Amino acid sequence: MKNAAQILRLERKARAAMLSTYQNDTEENAVRLYATHHLEEIESDYWVKNLGTTTPQPLQVLNMLELSPNLDWTLEADEIYRIDFTLPDEVTQYVLCVELDHDESVIGISMES
């Protein structure tokens, strides 16, 4: 397992990449799709409980994502970091996966189940 400082740094880079992709890329992308899909599919009670509103904004959804509990921070020599984010309370089977190389540069973001 990586040390806590490195894990925190990787998480911050991944979160920054998700927000940057959402804000700067106006085309349909995995980050936008993740937020809009869940806004359409999840009952309003969930949003009220977690965000205090029946109709949150996509950025509110992205900001409430948490690390998937199934992350493995140990890498083999040829692997990349795959950092999965999901909504709290196991409300979805989908994750937003941010991939970083060994230099900790973002190489991709995808929505996966």
PDB file of N, CA and C in Angstrom:
ATOM      1  N   MET A   1       0.847  -1.179   0.000  1.00  0.00           N
ATOM      2  CA  MET A   1       0.000   0.000   0.000  1.00  0.00           C
ATOM      3  C   MET A   1       0.891   1.240   0.000  1.00  0.00           C
ATOM      4  N   LYS A   2       0.434   2.261  -0.695  1.00  0.00           N
ATOM      5  CA  LYS A   2       1.154   3.530  -0.736  1.00  0.00           C
ATOM      6  C   LYS A   2       0.985   4.242   0.601  1.00  0.00           C
ATOM      7  N   ASN A   3       1.849   5.216   0.857  1.00  0.00           N
ATOM      8  CA  ASN A   3       1.717   5.958   2.101  1.00  0.00           C
ATOM      9  C   ASN A   3       0.553   6.945   2.009  1.00  0.00           C
ATOM     10  N   ALA A   4       0.084   7.411   3.144  1.00  0.00           N
ATOM     11  CA  ALA A   4      -1.112   8.253   3.213  1.00  0.00           C
ATOM     12  C   ALA A   4      -0.939   9.555   2.427  1.00  0.00           C
ATOM     13  N   ALA A   5       0.243  10.146   2.457  1.00  0.00           N
ATOM     14  CA  ALA A   5       0.473  11.397   1.735  1.00  0.00           C
ATOM     15  C   ALA A   5       0.358  11.187   0.228  1.00  0.00           C
ATOM     16  N   GLN A   6       0.894  10.078  -0.264  1.00  0.00           N
ATOM     17  CA  GLN A   6       0.821   9.804  -1.697  1.00  0.00           C
ATOM     18  C   GLN A   6      -0.623   9.500  -2.109  1.00  0.00           C
ATOM     19  N   ILE A   7      -1.344   8.759  -1.297  1.00  0.00           N
ATOM     20  CA  ILE A   7      -2.743   8.448  -1.597  1.00  0.00           C
ATOM     21  C   ILE A   7      -3.557   9.736  -1.663  1.00  0.00           C
ATOM     22  N   LEU A   8      -3.354  10.621  -0.711  1.00  0.00           N
ATOM     23  CA  LEU A   8      -4.063  11.895  -0.698  1.00  0.00           C
ATOM     24  C   LEU A   8      -3.715  12.727  -1.934  1.00  0.00           C
ATOM     25  N   ARG A   9      -2.452  12.744  -2.311  1.00  0.00           N
ATOM     26  CA  ARG A   9      -2.013  13.493  -3.493  1.00  0.00           C
ATOM     27  C   ARG A   9      -2.664  12.942  -4.760  1.00  0.00           C
ATOM     28  N   LEU A  10      -2.698  11.607  -4.898  1.00  0.00           N
ATOM     29  CA  LEU A  10      -3.322  10.983  -6.059  1.00  0.00           C
ATOM     30  C   LEU A  10      -4.822  11.268  -6.104  1.00  0.00           C
ATOM     31  N   GLU A  11      -5.468  11.197  -4.949  1.00  0.00           N
ATOM     32  CA  GLU A  11      -6.900  11.493  -4.892  1.00  0.00           C
ATOM     33  C   GLU A  11      -7.166  12.937  -5.305  1.00  0.00           C
ATOM     34  N   ARG A  12      -6.374  13.860  -4.813  1.00  0.00           N
ATOM     35  CA  ARG A  12      -6.550  15.279  -5.165  1.00  0.00           C
ATOM     36  C   ARG A  12      -6.359  15.513  -6.658  1.00  0.00           C
ATOM     37  N   LYS A  13      -5.348  14.880  -7.243  1.00  0.00           N
ATOM     38  CA  LYS A  13      -5.109  15.019  -8.681  1.00  0.00           C
ATOM     39  C   LYS A  13      -6.287  14.460  -9.468  1.00  0.00           C
ATOM     40  N   ALA A  14      -6.800  13.321  -9.029  1.00  0.00           N
ATOM     41  CA  ALA A  14      -7.929  12.704  -9.719  1.00  0.00           C
ATOM     42  C   ALA A  14      -9.175  13.583  -9.625  1.00  0.00           C
ATOM     43  N   ARG A  15      -9.446  14.113  -8.444  1.00  0.00           N
ATOM     44  CA  ARG A  15     -10.613  15.001  -8.267  1.00  0.00           C
ATOM     45  C   ARG A  15     -10.468  16.273  -9.120  1.00  0.00           C
ATOM     46  N   ALA A  16      -9.290  16.845  -9.130  1.00  0.00           N
ATOM     47  CA  ALA A  16      -9.048  18.051  -9.925  1.00  0.00           C
ATOM     48  C   ALA A  16      -9.258  17.759 -11.412  1.00  0.00           C
ATOM     49  N   ALA A  17      -8.822  16.597 -11.866  1.00  0.00           N
ATOM     50  CA  ALA A  17      -8.994  16.220 -13.272  1.00  0.00           C
ATOM     51  C   ALA A  17     -10.472  16.063 -13.620  1.00  0.00           C
ATOM     52  N   MET A  18     -11.245  15.455 -12.715  1.00  0.00           N
ATOM     53  CA  MET A  18     -12.686  15.301 -12.966  1.00  0.00           C
ATOM     54  C   MET A  18     -13.356  16.665 -13.086  1.00  0.00           C
ATOM     55  N   LEU A  19     -13.075  17.557 -12.144  1.00  0.00           N
ATOM     56  CA  LEU A  19     -13.703  18.877 -12.151  1.00  0.00           C
ATOM     57  C   LEU A  19     -13.260  19.693 -13.361  1.00  0.00           C
ATOM     58  N   SER A  20     -12.000  19.608 -13.720  1.00  0.00           N
ATOM     59  CA  SER A  20     -11.494  20.323 -14.884  1.00  0.00           C
ATOM     60  C   SER A  20     -12.159  19.818 -16.157  1.00  0.00           C
ATOM     61  N   THR A  21     -12.286  18.516 -16.273  1.00  0.00           N
ATOM     62  CA  THR A  21     -12.941  17.936 -17.448  1.00  0.00           C
ATOM     63  C   THR A  21     -14.385  18.397 -17.529  1.00  0.00           C
ATOM     64  N   TYR A  22     -15.061  18.404 -16.408  1.00  0.00           N
ATOM     65  CA  TYR A  22     -16.455  18.847 -16.403  1.00  0.00           C
ATOM     66  C   TYR A  22     -16.565  20.321 -16.793  1.00  0.00           C
ATOM     67  N   GLN A  23     -15.739  21.159 -16.226  1.00  0.00           N
ATOM     68  CA  GLN A  23     -15.855  22.601 -16.429  1.00  0.00           C
ATOM     69  C   GLN A  23     -15.293  23.083 -17.764  1.00  0.00           C
ATOM     70  N   ASN A  24     -14.264  22.442 -18.267  1.00  0.00           N
ATOM     71  CA  ASN A  24     -13.574  22.951 -19.451  1.00  0.00           C
ATOM     72  C   ASN A  24     -13.903  22.233 -20.743  1.00  0.00           C
ATOM     73  N   ASP A  25     -14.476  21.071 -20.671  1.00  0.00           N
ATOM     74  CA  ASP A  25     -14.803  20.305 -21.869  1.00  0.00           C
ATOM     75  C   ASP A  25     -16.318  20.335 -22.050  1.00  0.00           C
ATOM     76  N   THR A  26     -16.780  21.134 -22.985  1.00  0.00           N
ATOM     77  CA  THR A  26     -18.223  21.297 -23.171  1.00  0.00           C
ATOM     78  C   THR A  26     -18.862  20.132 -23.916  1.00  0.00           C
ATOM     79  N   GLU A  27     -18.070  19.298 -24.514  1.00  0.00           N
ATOM     80  CA  GLU A  27     -18.592  18.123 -25.209  1.00  0.00           C
ATOM     81  C   GLU A  27     -19.034  17.069 -24.200  1.00  0.00           C
ATOM     82  N   GLU A  28     -19.843  16.133 -24.660  1.00  0.00           N
ATOM     83  CA  GLU A  28     -20.251  15.012 -23.797  1.00  0.00           C
ATOM     84  C   GLU A  28     -19.000  14.217 -23.431  1.00  0.00           C
ATOM     85  N   ASN A  29     -18.825  13.955 -22.154  1.00  0.00           N
ATOM     86  CA  ASN A  29     -17.683  13.180 -21.694  1.00  0.00           C
ATOM     87  C   ASN A  29     -18.127  12.335 -20.507  1.00  0.00           C
ATOM     88  N   ALA A  30     -17.263  11.480 -20.031  1.00  0.00           N
ATOM     89  CA  ALA A  30     -17.620  10.550 -18.953  1.00  0.00           C
ATOM     90  C   ALA A  30     -18.039  11.270 -17.681  1.00  0.00           C
ATOM     91  N   VAL A  31     -17.398  12.385 -17.372  1.00  0.00           N
ATOM     92  CA  VAL A  31     -17.711  13.109 -16.144  1.00  0.00           C
ATOM     93  C   VAL A  31     -19.108  13.717 -16.237  1.00  0.00           C
ATOM     94  N   ARG A  32     -19.405  14.377 -17.343  1.00  0.00           N
ATOM     95  CA  ARG A  32     -20.752  14.939 -17.544  1.00  0.00           C
ATOM     96  C   ARG A  32     -21.800  13.832 -17.564  1.00  0.00           C
ATOM     97  N   LEU A  33     -21.508  12.759 -18.264  1.00  0.00           N
ATOM     98  CA  LEU A  33     -22.447  11.643 -18.354  1.00  0.00           C
ATOM     99  C   LEU A  33     -22.734  11.056 -16.978  1.00  0.00           C
ATOM    100  N   TYR A  34     -21.717  10.892 -16.161  1.00  0.00           N
ATOM    101  CA  TYR A  34     -21.900  10.334 -14.828  1.00  0.00           C
ATOM    102  C   TYR A  34     -22.858  11.204 -14.013  1.00  0.00           C
ATOM    103  N   ALA A  35     -22.599  12.507 -13.995  1.00  0.00           N
ATOM    104  CA  ALA A  35     -23.432  13.413 -13.201  1.00  0.00           C
ATOM    105  C   ALA A  35     -24.866  13.461 -13.725  1.00  0.00           C
ATOM    106  N   THR A  36     -25.040  13.656 -15.017  1.00  0.00           N
ATOM    107  CA  THR A  36     -26.393  13.785 -15.558  1.00  0.00           C
ATOM    108  C   THR A  36     -27.168  12.477 -15.463  1.00  0.00           C
ATOM    109  N   HIS A  37     -26.503  11.368 -15.690  1.00  0.00           N
ATOM    110  CA  HIS A  37     -27.168  10.064 -15.585  1.00  0.00           C
ATOM    111  C   HIS A  37     -27.747   9.872 -14.182  1.00  0.00           C
ATOM    112  N   HIS A  38     -26.945  10.161 -13.189  1.00  0.00           N
ATOM    113  CA  HIS A  38     -27.397   9.935 -11.816  1.00  0.00           C
ATOM    114  C   HIS A  38     -28.453  10.948 -11.388  1.00  0.00           C
ATOM    115  N   LEU A  39     -28.387  12.156 -11.902  1.00  0.00           N
ATOM    116  CA  LEU A  39     -29.431  13.133 -11.608  1.00  0.00           C
ATOM    117  C   LEU A  39     -30.779  12.675 -12.174  1.00  0.00           C
ATOM    118  N   GLU A  40     -30.741  11.995 -13.308  1.00  0.00           N
ATOM    119  CA  GLU A  40     -31.966  11.509 -13.937  1.00  0.00           C
ATOM    120  C   GLU A  40     -32.487  10.230 -13.291  1.00  0.00           C
ATOM    121  N   GLU A  41     -31.602   9.386 -12.813  1.00  0.00           N
ATOM    122  CA  GLU A  41     -31.989   8.043 -12.374  1.00  0.00           C
ATOM    123  C   GLU A  41     -32.254   7.885 -10.876  1.00  0.00           C
ATOM    124  N   ILE A  42     -31.658   8.714 -10.060  1.00  0.00           N
ATOM    125  CA  ILE A  42     -31.775   8.534  -8.606  1.00  0.00           C
ATOM    126  C   ILE A  42     -32.932   9.370  -8.073  1.00  0.00           C
ATOM    127  N   GLU A  43     -33.684   8.772  -7.171  1.00  0.00           N
ATOM    128  CA  GLU A  43     -34.855   9.432  -6.582  1.00  0.00           C
ATOM    129  C   GLU A  43     -34.475  10.703  -5.833  1.00  0.00           C
ATOM    130  N   SER A  44     -35.390  11.649  -5.815  1.00  0.00           N
ATOM    131  CA  SER A  44     -35.126  12.949  -5.180  1.00  0.00           C
ATOM    132  C   SER A  44     -34.870  12.832  -3.680  1.00  0.00           C
ATOM    133  N   ASP A  45     -35.420  11.811  -3.031  1.00  0.00           N
ATOM    134  CA  ASP A  45     -35.178  11.614  -1.591  1.00  0.00           C
ATOM    135  C   ASP A  45     -33.684  11.485  -1.286  1.00  0.00           C
ATOM    136  N   TYR A  46     -32.965  10.808  -2.162  1.00  0.00           N
ATOM    137  CA  TYR A  46     -31.523  10.630  -1.987  1.00  0.00           C
ATOM    138  C   TYR A  46     -30.818  11.985  -2.011  1.00  0.00           C
ATOM    139  N   TRP A  47     -31.185  12.823  -2.980  1.00  0.00           N
ATOM    140  CA  TRP A  47     -30.545  14.126  -3.101  1.00  0.00           C
ATOM    141  C   TRP A  47     -30.874  15.019  -1.913  1.00  0.00           C
ATOM    142  N   VAL A  48     -32.124  14.951  -1.447  1.00  0.00           N
ATOM    143  CA  VAL A  48     -32.507  15.750  -0.275  1.00  0.00           C
ATOM    144  C   VAL A  48     -31.684  15.311   0.928  1.00  0.00           C
ATOM    145  N   LYS A  49     -31.570  14.017   1.129  1.00  0.00           N
ATOM    146  CA  LYS A  49     -30.814  13.486   2.269  1.00  0.00           C
ATOM    147  C   LYS A  49     -29.343  13.909   2.220  1.00  0.00           C
ATOM    148  N   ASN A  50     -28.746  13.867   1.043  1.00  0.00           N
ATOM    149  CA  ASN A  50     -27.308  14.107   0.919  1.00  0.00           C
ATOM    150  C   ASN A  50     -26.915  15.539   0.575  1.00  0.00           C
ATOM    151  N   LEU A  51     -27.813  16.260  -0.108  1.00  0.00           N
ATOM    152  CA  LEU A  51     -27.456  17.609  -0.547  1.00  0.00           C
ATOM    153  C   LEU A  51     -28.481  18.670  -0.152  1.00  0.00           C
ATOM    154  N   GLY A  52     -29.579  18.241   0.430  1.00  0.00           N
ATOM    155  CA  GLY A  52     -30.566  19.205   0.896  1.00  0.00           C
ATOM    156  C   GLY A  52     -31.437  19.807  -0.180  1.00  0.00           C
ATOM    157  N   THR A  53     -31.462  19.212  -1.357  1.00  0.00           N
ATOM    158  CA  THR A  53     -32.273  19.717  -2.454  1.00  0.00           C
ATOM    159  C   THR A  53     -32.756  18.558  -3.322  1.00  0.00           C
ATOM    160  N   THR A  54     -33.903  18.734  -3.951  1.00  0.00           N
ATOM    161  CA  THR A  54     -34.417  17.691  -4.844  1.00  0.00           C
ATOM    162  C   THR A  54     -33.777  17.765  -6.219  1.00  0.00           C
ATOM    163  N   THR A  55     -33.198  18.902  -6.544  1.00  0.00           N
ATOM    164  CA  THR A  55     -32.609  19.087  -7.875  1.00  0.00           C
ATOM    165  C   THR A  55     -31.205  19.694  -7.773  1.00  0.00           C
ATOM    166  N   PRO A  56     -30.228  18.882  -7.385  1.00  0.00           N
ATOM    167  CA  PRO A  56     -28.857  19.408  -7.283  1.00  0.00           C
ATOM    168  C   PRO A  56     -28.268  19.694  -8.662  1.00  0.00           C
ATOM    169  N   GLN A  57     -27.227  20.476  -8.654  1.00  0.00           N
ATOM    170  CA  GLN A  57     -26.467  20.762  -9.871  1.00  0.00           C
ATOM    171  C   GLN A  57     -25.432  19.655 -10.076  1.00  0.00           C
ATOM    172  N   PRO A  58     -25.040  19.418 -11.325  1.00  0.00           N
ATOM    173  CA  PRO A  58     -24.044  18.373 -11.583  1.00  0.00           C
ATOM    174  C   PRO A  58     -22.759  18.523 -10.769  1.00  0.00           C
ATOM    175  N   LEU A  59     -22.289  19.750 -10.568  1.00  0.00           N
ATOM    176  CA  LEU A  59     -21.065  19.932  -9.775  1.00  0.00           C
ATOM    177  C   LEU A  59     -21.261  19.490  -8.327  1.00  0.00           C
ATOM    178  N   GLN A  60     -22.464  19.654  -7.793  1.00  0.00           N
ATOM    179  CA  GLN A  60     -22.745  19.176  -6.434  1.00  0.00           C
ATOM    180  C   GLN A  60     -22.607  17.656  -6.382  1.00  0.00           C
ATOM    181  N   VAL A  61     -23.083  16.990  -7.421  1.00  0.00           N
ATOM    182  CA  VAL A  61     -22.978  15.526  -7.494  1.00  0.00           C
ATOM    183  C   VAL A  61     -21.506  15.129  -7.526  1.00  0.00           C
ATOM    184  N   LEU A  62     -20.728  15.780  -8.363  1.00  0.00           N
ATOM    185  CA  LEU A  62     -19.303  15.445  -8.476  1.00  0.00           C
ATOM    186  C   LEU A  62     -18.553  15.709  -7.182  1.00  0.00           C
ATOM    187  N   ASN A  63     -18.912  16.777  -6.496  1.00  0.00           N
ATOM    188  CA  ASN A  63     -18.228  17.107  -5.243  1.00  0.00           C
ATOM    189  C   ASN A  63     -18.549  16.145  -4.107  1.00  0.00           C
ATOM    190  N   MET A  64     -19.647  15.407  -4.209  1.00  0.00           N
ATOM    191  CA  MET A  64     -19.979  14.484  -3.127  1.00  0.00           C
ATOM    192  C   MET A  64     -19.431  13.070  -3.358  1.00  0.00           C
ATOM    193  N   LEU A  65     -18.775  12.845  -4.491  1.00  0.00           N
ATOM    194  CA  LEU A  65     -18.222  11.518  -4.766  1.00  0.00           C
ATOM    195  C   LEU A  65     -17.197  11.138  -3.710  1.00  0.00           C
ATOM    196  N   GLU A  66     -17.166   9.850  -3.400  1.00  0.00           N
ATOM    197  CA  GLU A  66     -16.183   9.333  -2.443  1.00  0.00           C
ATOM    198  C   GLU A  66     -15.380   8.227  -3.104  1.00  0.00           C
ATOM    199  N   LEU A  67     -14.227   7.954  -2.543  1.00  0.00           N
ATOM    200  CA  LEU A  67     -13.395   6.873  -3.068  1.00  0.00           C
ATOM    201  C   LEU A  67     -14.128   5.542  -2.938  1.00  0.00           C
ATOM    202  N   SER A  68     -14.019   4.737  -3.955  1.00  0.00           N
ATOM    203  CA  SER A  68     -14.593   3.404  -3.892  1.00  0.00           C
ATOM    204  C   SER A  68     -13.870   2.606  -2.810  1.00  0.00           C
ATOM    205  N   PRO A  69     -14.617   1.833  -2.013  1.00  0.00           N
ATOM    206  CA  PRO A  69     -13.970   1.072  -0.942  1.00  0.00           C
ATOM    207  C   PRO A  69     -13.100  -0.069  -1.454  1.00  0.00           C
ATOM    208  N   ASN A  70     -13.153  -0.363  -2.743  1.00  0.00           N
ATOM    209  CA  ASN A  70     -12.433  -1.513  -3.303  1.00  0.00           C
ATOM    210  C   ASN A  70     -11.107  -1.148  -3.966  1.00  0.00           C
ATOM    211  N   LEU A  71     -10.582   0.032  -3.689  1.00  0.00           N
ATOM    212  CA  LEU A  71      -9.336   0.447  -4.327  1.00  0.00           C
ATOM    213  C   LEU A  71      -8.139  -0.332  -3.797  1.00  0.00           C
ATOM    214  N   ASP A  72      -7.233  -0.643  -4.712  1.00  0.00           N
ATOM    215  CA  ASP A  72      -5.974  -1.293  -4.354  1.00  0.00           C
ATOM    216  C   ASP A  72      -4.853  -0.360  -4.791  1.00  0.00           C
ATOM    217  N   TRP A  73      -4.114   0.190  -3.842  1.00  0.00           N
ATOM    218  CA  TRP A  73      -3.095   1.187  -4.140  1.00  0.00           C
ATOM    219  C   TRP A  73      -1.748   0.557  -4.485  1.00  0.00           C
ATOM    220  N   THR A  74      -1.655  -0.768  -4.521  1.00  0.00           N
ATOM    221  CA  THR A  74      -0.406  -1.453  -4.841  1.00  0.00           C
ATOM    222  C   THR A  74      -0.344  -1.707  -6.341  1.00  0.00           C
ATOM    223  N   LEU A  75       0.736  -1.280  -6.984  1.00  0.00           N
ATOM    224  CA  LEU A  75       0.876  -1.433  -8.430  1.00  0.00           C
ATOM    225  C   LEU A  75       2.026  -2.358  -8.791  1.00  0.00           C
ATOM    226  N   GLU A  76       1.826  -3.087  -9.864  1.00  0.00           N
ATOM    227  CA  GLU A  76       2.929  -3.822 -10.476  1.00  0.00           C
ATOM    228  C   GLU A  76       3.694  -2.832 -11.353  1.00  0.00           C
ATOM    229  N   ALA A  77       4.835  -3.226 -11.838  1.00  0.00           N
ATOM    230  CA  ALA A  77       5.713  -2.312 -12.577  1.00  0.00           C
ATOM    231  C   ALA A  77       5.052  -1.695 -13.809  1.00  0.00           C
ATOM    232  N   ASP A  78       4.207  -2.440 -14.507  1.00  0.00           N
ATOM    233  CA  ASP A  78       3.640  -1.941 -15.760  1.00  0.00           C
ATOM    234  C   ASP A  78       2.203  -1.444 -15.616  1.00  0.00           C
ATOM    235  N   GLU A  79       1.712  -1.284 -14.416  1.00  0.00           N
ATOM    236  CA  GLU A  79       0.333  -0.883 -14.210  1.00  0.00           C
ATOM    237  C   GLU A  79       0.189   0.625 -14.037  1.00  0.00           C
ATOM    238  N   ILE A  80      -1.068   1.063 -14.092  1.00  0.00           N
ATOM    239  CA  ILE A  80      -1.394   2.458 -13.857  1.00  0.00           C
ATOM    240  C   ILE A  80      -2.299   2.544 -12.636  1.00  0.00           C
ATOM    241  N   TYR A  81      -2.369   3.736 -12.059  1.00  0.00           N
ATOM    242  CA  TYR A  81      -3.304   3.943 -10.950  1.00  0.00           C
ATOM    243  C   TYR A  81      -4.708   4.072 -11.524  1.00  0.00           C
ATOM    244  N   ARG A  82      -5.644   3.345 -10.980  1.00  0.00           N
ATOM    245  CA  ARG A  82      -7.055   3.442 -11.343  1.00  0.00           C
ATOM    246  C   ARG A  82      -7.800   3.829 -10.071  1.00  0.00           C
ATOM    247  N   ILE A  83      -8.211   5.082 -10.012  1.00  0.00           N
ATOM    248  CA  ILE A  83      -8.862   5.602  -8.817  1.00  0.00           C
ATOM    249  C   ILE A  83     -10.343   5.741  -9.105  1.00  0.00           C
ATOM    250  N   ASP A  84     -11.139   4.936  -8.428  1.00  0.00           N
ATOM    251  CA  ASP A  84     -12.579   4.907  -8.649  1.00  0.00           C
ATOM    252  C   ASP A  84     -13.308   5.746  -7.613  1.00  0.00           C
ATOM    253  N   PHE A  85     -14.255   6.534  -8.095  1.00  0.00           N
ATOM    254  CA  PHE A  85     -15.111   7.357  -7.246  1.00  0.00           C
ATOM    255  C   PHE A  85     -16.556   6.926  -7.453  1.00  0.00           C
ATOM    256  N   THR A  86     -17.331   6.964  -6.381  1.00  0.00           N
ATOM    257  CA  THR A  86     -18.731   6.570  -6.459  1.00  0.00           C
ATOM    258  C   THR A  86     -19.562   7.436  -5.527  1.00  0.00           C
ATOM    259  N   LEU A  87     -20.861   7.351  -5.681  1.00  0.00           N
ATOM    260  CA  LEU A  87     -21.766   8.077  -4.790  1.00  0.00           C
ATOM    261  C   LEU A  87     -21.891   7.332  -3.466  1.00  0.00           C
ATOM    262  N   PRO A  88     -22.110   8.054  -2.377  1.00  0.00           N
ATOM    263  CA  PRO A  88     -22.266   7.414  -1.065  1.00  0.00           C
ATOM    264  C   PRO A  88     -23.496   6.511  -0.998  1.00  0.00           C
ATOM    265  N   ASP A  89     -23.496   5.626  -0.038  1.00  0.00           N
ATOM    266  CA  ASP A  89     -24.630   4.769   0.313  1.00  0.00           C
ATOM    267  C   ASP A  89     -24.938   3.678  -0.713  1.00  0.00           C
ATOM    268  N   GLU A  90     -23.949   3.309  -1.519  1.00  0.00           N
ATOM    269  CA  GLU A  90     -24.123   2.219  -2.491  1.00  0.00           C
ATOM    270  C   GLU A  90     -25.388   2.384  -3.321  1.00  0.00           C
ATOM    271  N   VAL A  91     -25.628   3.605  -3.786  1.00  0.00           N
ATOM    272  CA  VAL A  91     -26.830   3.914  -4.544  1.00  0.00           C
ATOM    273  C   VAL A  91     -26.666   3.609  -6.038  1.00  0.00           C
ATOM    274  N   THR A  92     -25.452   3.319  -6.470  1.00  0.00           N
ATOM    275  CA  THR A  92     -25.187   3.070  -7.880  1.00  0.00           C
ATOM    276  C   THR A  92     -24.142   1.978  -8.046  1.00  0.00           C
ATOM    277  N   GLN A  93     -24.193   1.337  -9.200  1.00  0.00           N
ATOM    278  CA  GLN A  93     -23.164   0.353  -9.543  1.00  0.00           C
ATOM    279  C   GLN A  93     -22.052   0.984 -10.377  1.00  0.00           C
ATOM    280  N   TYR A  94     -22.240   2.245 -10.747  1.00  0.00           N
ATOM    281  CA  TYR A  94     -21.278   2.936 -11.600  1.00  0.00           C
ATOM    282  C   TYR A  94     -20.220   3.679 -10.790  1.00  0.00           C
ATOM    283  N   VAL A  95     -19.020   3.735 -11.361  1.00  0.00           N
ATOM    284  CA  VAL A  95     -17.933   4.510 -10.788  1.00  0.00           C
ATOM    285  C   VAL A  95     -17.365   5.422 -11.871  1.00  0.00           C
ATOM    286  N   LEU A  96     -16.773   6.501 -11.436  1.00  0.00           N
ATOM    287  CA  LEU A  96     -15.959   7.332 -12.322  1.00  0.00           C
ATOM    288  C   LEU A  96     -14.522   6.920 -12.055  1.00  0.00           C
ATOM    289  N   CYS A  97     -13.857   6.429 -13.059  1.00  0.00           N
ATOM    290  CA  CYS A  97     -12.499   5.913 -12.910  1.00  0.00           C
ATOM    291  C   CYS A  97     -11.512   6.888 -13.545  1.00  0.00           C
ATOM    292  N   VAL A  98     -10.588   7.384 -12.727  1.00  0.00           N
ATOM    293  CA  VAL A  98      -9.536   8.267 -13.208  1.00  0.00           C
ATOM    294  C   VAL A  98      -8.250   7.445 -13.257  1.00  0.00           C
ATOM    295  N   GLU A  99      -7.610   7.457 -14.413  1.00  0.00           N
ATOM    296  CA  GLU A  99      -6.371   6.705 -14.587  1.00  0.00           C
ATOM    297  C   GLU A  99      -5.183   7.660 -14.623  1.00  0.00           C
ATOM    298  N   LEU A 100      -4.161   7.313 -13.836  1.00  0.00           N
ATOM    299  CA  LEU A 100      -2.931   8.096 -13.791  1.00  0.00           C
ATOM    300  C   LEU A 100      -1.756   7.165 -14.053  1.00  0.00           C
ATOM    301  N   ASP A 101      -0.744   7.693 -14.745  1.00  0.00           N
ATOM    302  CA  ASP A 101       0.446   6.877 -15.001  1.00  0.00           C
ATOM    303  C   ASP A 101       1.399   6.941 -13.811  1.00  0.00           C
ATOM    304  N   HIS A 102       2.539   6.306 -13.940  1.00  0.00           N
ATOM    305  CA  HIS A 102       3.514   6.262 -12.834  1.00  0.00           C
ATOM    306  C   HIS A 102       4.063   7.635 -12.471  1.00  0.00           C
ATOM    307  N   ASP A 103       3.984   8.584 -13.417  1.00  0.00           N
ATOM    308  CA  ASP A 103       4.410   9.955 -13.130  1.00  0.00           C
ATOM    309  C   ASP A 103       3.271  10.766 -12.521  1.00  0.00           C
ATOM    310  N   GLU A 104       2.157  10.108 -12.264  1.00  0.00           N
ATOM    311  CA  GLU A 104       0.954  10.698 -11.669  1.00  0.00           C
ATOM    312  C   GLU A 104       0.289  11.720 -12.582  1.00  0.00           C
ATOM    313  N   SER A 105       0.451  11.537 -13.890  1.00  0.00           N
ATOM    314  CA  SER A 105      -0.244  12.362 -14.877  1.00  0.00           C
ATOM    315  C   SER A 105      -1.524  11.654 -15.268  1.00  0.00           C
ATOM    316  N   VAL A 106      -2.601  12.419 -15.402  1.00  0.00           N
ATOM    317  CA  VAL A 106      -3.893  11.836 -15.780  1.00  0.00           C
ATOM    318  C   VAL A 106      -3.830  11.390 -17.230  1.00  0.00           C
ATOM    319  N   ILE A 107      -4.255  10.152 -17.461  1.00  0.00           N
ATOM    320  CA  ILE A 107      -4.260   9.637 -18.841  1.00  0.00           C
ATOM    321  C   ILE A 107      -5.668   9.317 -19.327  1.00  0.00           C
ATOM    322  N   GLY A 108      -6.661   9.367 -18.430  1.00  0.00           N
ATOM    323  CA  GLY A 108      -8.012   9.148 -18.887  1.00  0.00           C
ATOM    324  C   GLY A 108      -9.020   9.105 -17.743  1.00  0.00           C
ATOM    325  N   ILE A 109     -10.283   9.358 -18.108  1.00  0.00           N
ATOM    326  CA  ILE A 109     -11.384   9.283 -17.171  1.00  0.00           C
ATOM    327  C   ILE A 109     -12.516   8.543 -17.870  1.00  0.00           C
ATOM    328  N   SER A 110     -13.057   7.547 -17.214  1.00  0.00           N
ATOM    329  CA  SER A 110     -14.158   6.774 -17.802  1.00  0.00           C
ATOM    330  C   SER A 110     -15.216   6.447 -16.762  1.00  0.00           C
ATOM    331  N   MET A 111     -16.416   6.184 -17.251  1.00  0.00           N
ATOM    332  CA  MET A 111     -17.502   5.724 -16.386  1.00  0.00           C
ATOM    333  C   MET A 111     -17.603   4.225 -16.585  1.00  0.00           C
ATOM    334  N   GLU A 112     -17.571   3.497 -15.474  1.00  0.00           N
ATOM    335  CA  GLU A 112     -17.577   2.035 -15.550  1.00  0.00           C
ATOM    336  C   GLU A 112     -18.552   1.459 -14.545  1.00  0.00           C
ATOM    337  N   SER A 113     -18.943   0.211 -14.802  1.00  0.00           N
ATOM    338  CA  SER A 113     -19.829  -0.456 -13.835  1.00  0.00           C
ATOM    339  C   SER A 113     -19.148  -1.664 -13.256  1.00  0.00           C
TER     340      SER A 113
END
